[in-house]
Amino acid sequence: MNETGAATDPTDPGVEQSRCCEAVAHSLTETELAADLRILTAAGSETRYEVLRLVAAADGGVCVCELEPSLGVSQGAISQALSRLYTAGLVSRRKEGRWRYYTATPRAQRLLELLDDIRTQNNE
């Protein structure tokens, strides 16, 4: 629109290209973007997200065999999910004998709390 309120043609070379054609930017570095994507990707499948929720809800850590009945997928699929979550820093693990026990990291707890808050706000 021009100053009189009439529509202007953005393809007209005489029309000033103002706000609509300015480049936008964010403040994240490539490393920060990659770190964010690693976290979002790790939690971005139904199995991995549900594994994360179950691990976060458990007291004292859980092993793969304890997750299998709740998920209805193989132990191999659960192990892969836990591996991706571990690599992204969303779960930690400790070994006791033959078993590995997984717990949610503070990062995962914050992520899940944020998702809970967003869901609550959307339902209001």
C-alpha atoms as a PDB file:
ATOM      1  CA  MET A   1       0.000   0.000   0.000  1.00  0.00           C
ATOM      2  CA  ASN A   2       1.209   3.497  -0.728  1.00  0.00           C
ATOM      3  CA  GLU A   3       0.726   6.522   1.483  1.00  0.00           C
ATOM      4  CA  THR A   4      -2.767   7.095   0.052  1.00  0.00           C
ATOM      5  CA  GLY A   5      -3.812   3.546   0.936  1.00  0.00           C
ATOM      6  CA  ALA A   6      -3.872   2.302  -2.657  1.00  0.00           C
ATOM      7  CA  ALA A   7      -2.458  -1.126  -3.402  1.00  0.00           C
ATOM      8  CA  THR A   8       1.012  -1.148  -4.908  1.00  0.00           C
ATOM      9  CA  ASP A   9       2.588  -3.702  -7.193  1.00  0.00           C
ATOM     10  CA  PRO A  10       5.678  -5.223  -5.498  1.00  0.00           C
ATOM     11  CA  THR A  11       7.033  -6.220  -8.922  1.00  0.00           C
ATOM     12  CA  ASP A  12       7.017  -2.567 -10.075  1.00  0.00           C
ATOM     13  CA  PRO A  13      10.668  -1.402 -10.052  1.00  0.00           C
ATOM     14  CA  GLY A  14       9.519   1.952  -8.737  1.00  0.00           C
ATOM     15  CA  VAL A  15       8.074   0.381  -5.569  1.00  0.00           C
ATOM     16  CA  GLU A  16      10.435   0.587  -2.646  1.00  0.00           C
ATOM     17  CA  GLN A  17      11.307  -2.847  -1.253  1.00  0.00           C
ATOM     18  CA  SER A  18      11.083  -2.189   2.461  1.00  0.00           C
ATOM     19  CA  ARG A  19      10.328  -4.443   5.390  1.00  0.00           C
ATOM     20  CA  CYS A  20       8.983  -7.455   3.518  1.00  0.00           C
ATOM     21  CA  CYS A  21      12.270  -8.153   1.764  1.00  0.00           C
ATOM     22  CA  GLU A  22      14.738  -7.678   4.601  1.00  0.00           C
ATOM     23  CA  ALA A  23      16.704 -10.733   5.623  1.00  0.00           C
ATOM     24  CA  VAL A  24      15.972 -12.206   9.023  1.00  0.00           C
ATOM     25  CA  ALA A  25      18.558 -13.748  11.317  1.00  0.00           C
ATOM     26  CA  HIS A  26      18.814 -15.589  14.610  1.00  0.00           C
ATOM     27  CA  SER A  27      21.522 -15.498  17.228  1.00  0.00           C
ATOM     28  CA  LEU A  28      22.467 -19.202  17.265  1.00  0.00           C
ATOM     29  CA  THR A  29      25.781 -20.490  15.977  1.00  0.00           C
ATOM     30  CA  GLU A  30      25.962 -23.514  13.707  1.00  0.00           C
ATOM     31  CA  THR A  31      27.160 -25.561  16.702  1.00  0.00           C
ATOM     32  CA  GLU A  32      24.194 -24.445  18.799  1.00  0.00           C
ATOM     33  CA  LEU A  33      21.770 -25.234  15.982  1.00  0.00           C
ATOM     34  CA  ALA A  34      23.307 -28.699  15.604  1.00  0.00           C
ATOM     35  CA  ALA A  35      23.024 -29.325  19.362  1.00  0.00           C
ATOM     36  CA  ASP A  36      19.347 -28.298  19.382  1.00  0.00           C
ATOM     37  CA  LEU A  37      18.592 -30.502  16.386  1.00  0.00           C
ATOM     38  CA  ARG A  38      20.366 -33.455  18.010  1.00  0.00           C
ATOM     39  CA  ILE A  39      18.099 -33.131  21.060  1.00  0.00           C
ATOM     40  CA  LEU A  40      14.905 -32.648  19.057  1.00  0.00           C
ATOM     41  CA  THR A  41      15.763 -35.492  16.697  1.00  0.00           C
ATOM     42  CA  ALA A  42      16.556 -37.828  19.588  1.00  0.00           C
ATOM     43  CA  ALA A  43      13.124 -37.240  21.095  1.00  0.00           C
ATOM     44  CA  GLY A  44      11.448 -37.061  17.691  1.00  0.00           C
ATOM     45  CA  SER A  45      10.131 -40.583  17.281  1.00  0.00           C
ATOM     46  CA  GLU A  46       7.193 -42.092  19.100  1.00  0.00           C
ATOM     47  CA  THR A  47       9.291 -44.909  20.593  1.00  0.00           C
ATOM     48  CA  ARG A  48      12.146 -42.661  21.737  1.00  0.00           C
ATOM     49  CA  TYR A  49       9.765 -40.095  23.194  1.00  0.00           C
ATOM     50  CA  GLU A  50       7.795 -42.720  25.081  1.00  0.00           C
ATOM     51  CA  VAL A  51      11.036 -44.321  26.328  1.00  0.00           C
ATOM     52  CA  LEU A  52      12.147 -40.910  27.571  1.00  0.00           C
ATOM     53  CA  ARG A  53       8.830 -40.365  29.355  1.00  0.00           C
ATOM     54  CA  LEU A  54       9.020 -43.787  31.009  1.00  0.00           C
ATOM     55  CA  VAL A  55      12.636 -43.331  32.081  1.00  0.00           C
ATOM     56  CA  ALA A  56      11.853 -39.880  33.482  1.00  0.00           C
ATOM     57  CA  ALA A  57       8.904 -41.263  35.474  1.00  0.00           C
ATOM     58  CA  ALA A  58      10.934 -44.101  37.019  1.00  0.00           C
ATOM     59  CA  ASP A  59      12.662 -43.819  40.369  1.00  0.00           C
ATOM     60  CA  GLY A  60      16.296 -44.881  40.483  1.00  0.00           C
ATOM     61  CA  GLY A  61      16.660 -45.862  36.850  1.00  0.00           C
ATOM     62  CA  VAL A  62      15.262 -48.610  34.654  1.00  0.00           C
ATOM     63  CA  CYS A  63      16.747 -51.299  32.450  1.00  0.00           C
ATOM     64  CA  VAL A  64      15.599 -52.282  28.970  1.00  0.00           C
ATOM     65  CA  CYS A  65      13.762 -55.371  30.221  1.00  0.00           C
ATOM     66  CA  GLU A  66      11.594 -53.185  32.475  1.00  0.00           C
ATOM     67  CA  LEU A  67      10.584 -50.940  29.561  1.00  0.00           C
ATOM     68  CA  GLU A  68       9.666 -53.682  27.086  1.00  0.00           C
ATOM     69  CA  PRO A  69       6.242 -54.618  28.536  1.00  0.00           C
ATOM     70  CA  SER A  70       5.080 -50.980  28.474  1.00  0.00           C
ATOM     71  CA  LEU A  71       6.182 -50.271  24.921  1.00  0.00           C
ATOM     72  CA  GLY A  72       5.298 -53.334  22.883  1.00  0.00           C
ATOM     73  CA  VAL A  73       8.528 -53.169  20.873  1.00  0.00           C
ATOM     74  CA  SER A  74      11.609 -55.362  20.964  1.00  0.00           C
ATOM     75  CA  GLN A  75      14.449 -54.954  23.427  1.00  0.00           C
ATOM     76  CA  GLY A  76      16.655 -54.146  20.433  1.00  0.00           C
ATOM     77  CA  ALA A  77      14.410 -51.226  19.451  1.00  0.00           C
ATOM     78  CA  ILE A  78      14.415 -49.986  23.047  1.00  0.00           C
ATOM     79  CA  SER A  79      18.207 -50.291  23.246  1.00  0.00           C
ATOM     80  CA  GLN A  80      18.552 -48.269  20.039  1.00  0.00           C
ATOM     81  CA  ALA A  81      16.186 -45.618  21.379  1.00  0.00           C
ATOM     82  CA  LEU A  82      18.136 -45.408  24.636  1.00  0.00           C
ATOM     83  CA  SER A  83      21.393 -45.138  22.713  1.00  0.00           C
ATOM     84  CA  ARG A  84      20.086 -42.157  20.724  1.00  0.00           C
ATOM     85  CA  LEU A  85      18.747 -40.531  23.886  1.00  0.00           C
ATOM     86  CA  TYR A  86      22.093 -41.115  25.625  1.00  0.00           C
ATOM     87  CA  THR A  87      24.054 -39.589  22.738  1.00  0.00           C
ATOM     88  CA  ALA A  88      21.801 -36.509  22.877  1.00  0.00           C
ATOM     89  CA  GLY A  89      22.393 -36.153  26.616  1.00  0.00           C
ATOM     90  CA  LEU A  90      18.790 -36.897  27.552  1.00  0.00           C
ATOM     91  CA  VAL A  91      19.506 -40.039  29.587  1.00  0.00           C
ATOM     92  CA  SER A  92      22.436 -41.206  31.643  1.00  0.00           C
ATOM     93  CA  ARG A  93      23.344 -44.813  32.288  1.00  0.00           C
ATOM     94  CA  ARG A  94      25.113 -46.836  34.905  1.00  0.00           C
ATOM     95  CA  LYS A  95      26.186 -50.445  34.782  1.00  0.00           C
ATOM     96  CA  GLU A  96      25.454 -52.905  37.568  1.00  0.00           C
ATOM     97  CA  GLY A  97      26.725 -56.363  36.750  1.00  0.00           C
ATOM     98  CA  ARG A  98      25.243 -57.378  33.394  1.00  0.00           C
ATOM     99  CA  TRP A  99      22.560 -54.693  33.466  1.00  0.00           C
ATOM    100  CA  ARG A 100      22.536 -51.053  32.450  1.00  0.00           C
ATOM    101  CA  TYR A 101      20.156 -48.712  34.221  1.00  0.00           C
ATOM    102  CA  TYR A 102      18.994 -45.486  32.606  1.00  0.00           C
ATOM    103  CA  THR A 103      17.849 -42.258  34.239  1.00  0.00           C
ATOM    104  CA  ALA A 104      16.658 -38.984  32.719  1.00  0.00           C
ATOM    105  CA  THR A 105      19.159 -36.143  32.831  1.00  0.00           C
ATOM    106  CA  PRO A 106      18.284 -32.674  34.136  1.00  0.00           C
ATOM    107  CA  ARG A 107      18.217 -31.556  30.485  1.00  0.00           C
ATOM    108  CA  ALA A 108      15.538 -34.160  29.717  1.00  0.00           C
ATOM    109  CA  GLN A 109      13.553 -33.213  32.806  1.00  0.00           C
ATOM    110  CA  ARG A 110      13.550 -29.552  31.710  1.00  0.00           C
ATOM    111  CA  LEU A 111      12.513 -30.499  28.170  1.00  0.00           C
ATOM    112  CA  LEU A 112       9.636 -32.657  29.401  1.00  0.00           C
ATOM    113  CA  GLU A 113       8.501 -29.982  31.865  1.00  0.00           C
ATOM    114  CA  LEU A 114       8.494 -27.406  29.060  1.00  0.00           C
ATOM    115  CA  LEU A 115       6.416 -29.706  26.856  1.00  0.00           C
ATOM    116  CA  ASP A 116       3.998 -30.267  29.735  1.00  0.00           C
ATOM    117  CA  ASP A 117       3.696 -26.500  30.255  1.00  0.00           C
ATOM    118  CA  ILE A 118       3.064 -25.895  26.548  1.00  0.00           C
ATOM    119  CA  ARG A 119       0.414 -28.610  26.437  1.00  0.00           C
ATOM    120  CA  THR A 120      -1.262 -27.167  29.535  1.00  0.00           C
ATOM    121  CA  GLN A 121      -1.299 -23.669  28.018  1.00  0.00           C
ATOM    122  CA  ASN A 122      -2.785 -24.998  24.790  1.00  0.00           C
ATOM    123  CA  ASN A 123      -5.586 -26.705  26.729  1.00  0.00           C
ATOM    124  CA  GLU A 124      -6.574 -23.560  28.629  1.00  0.00           C
END
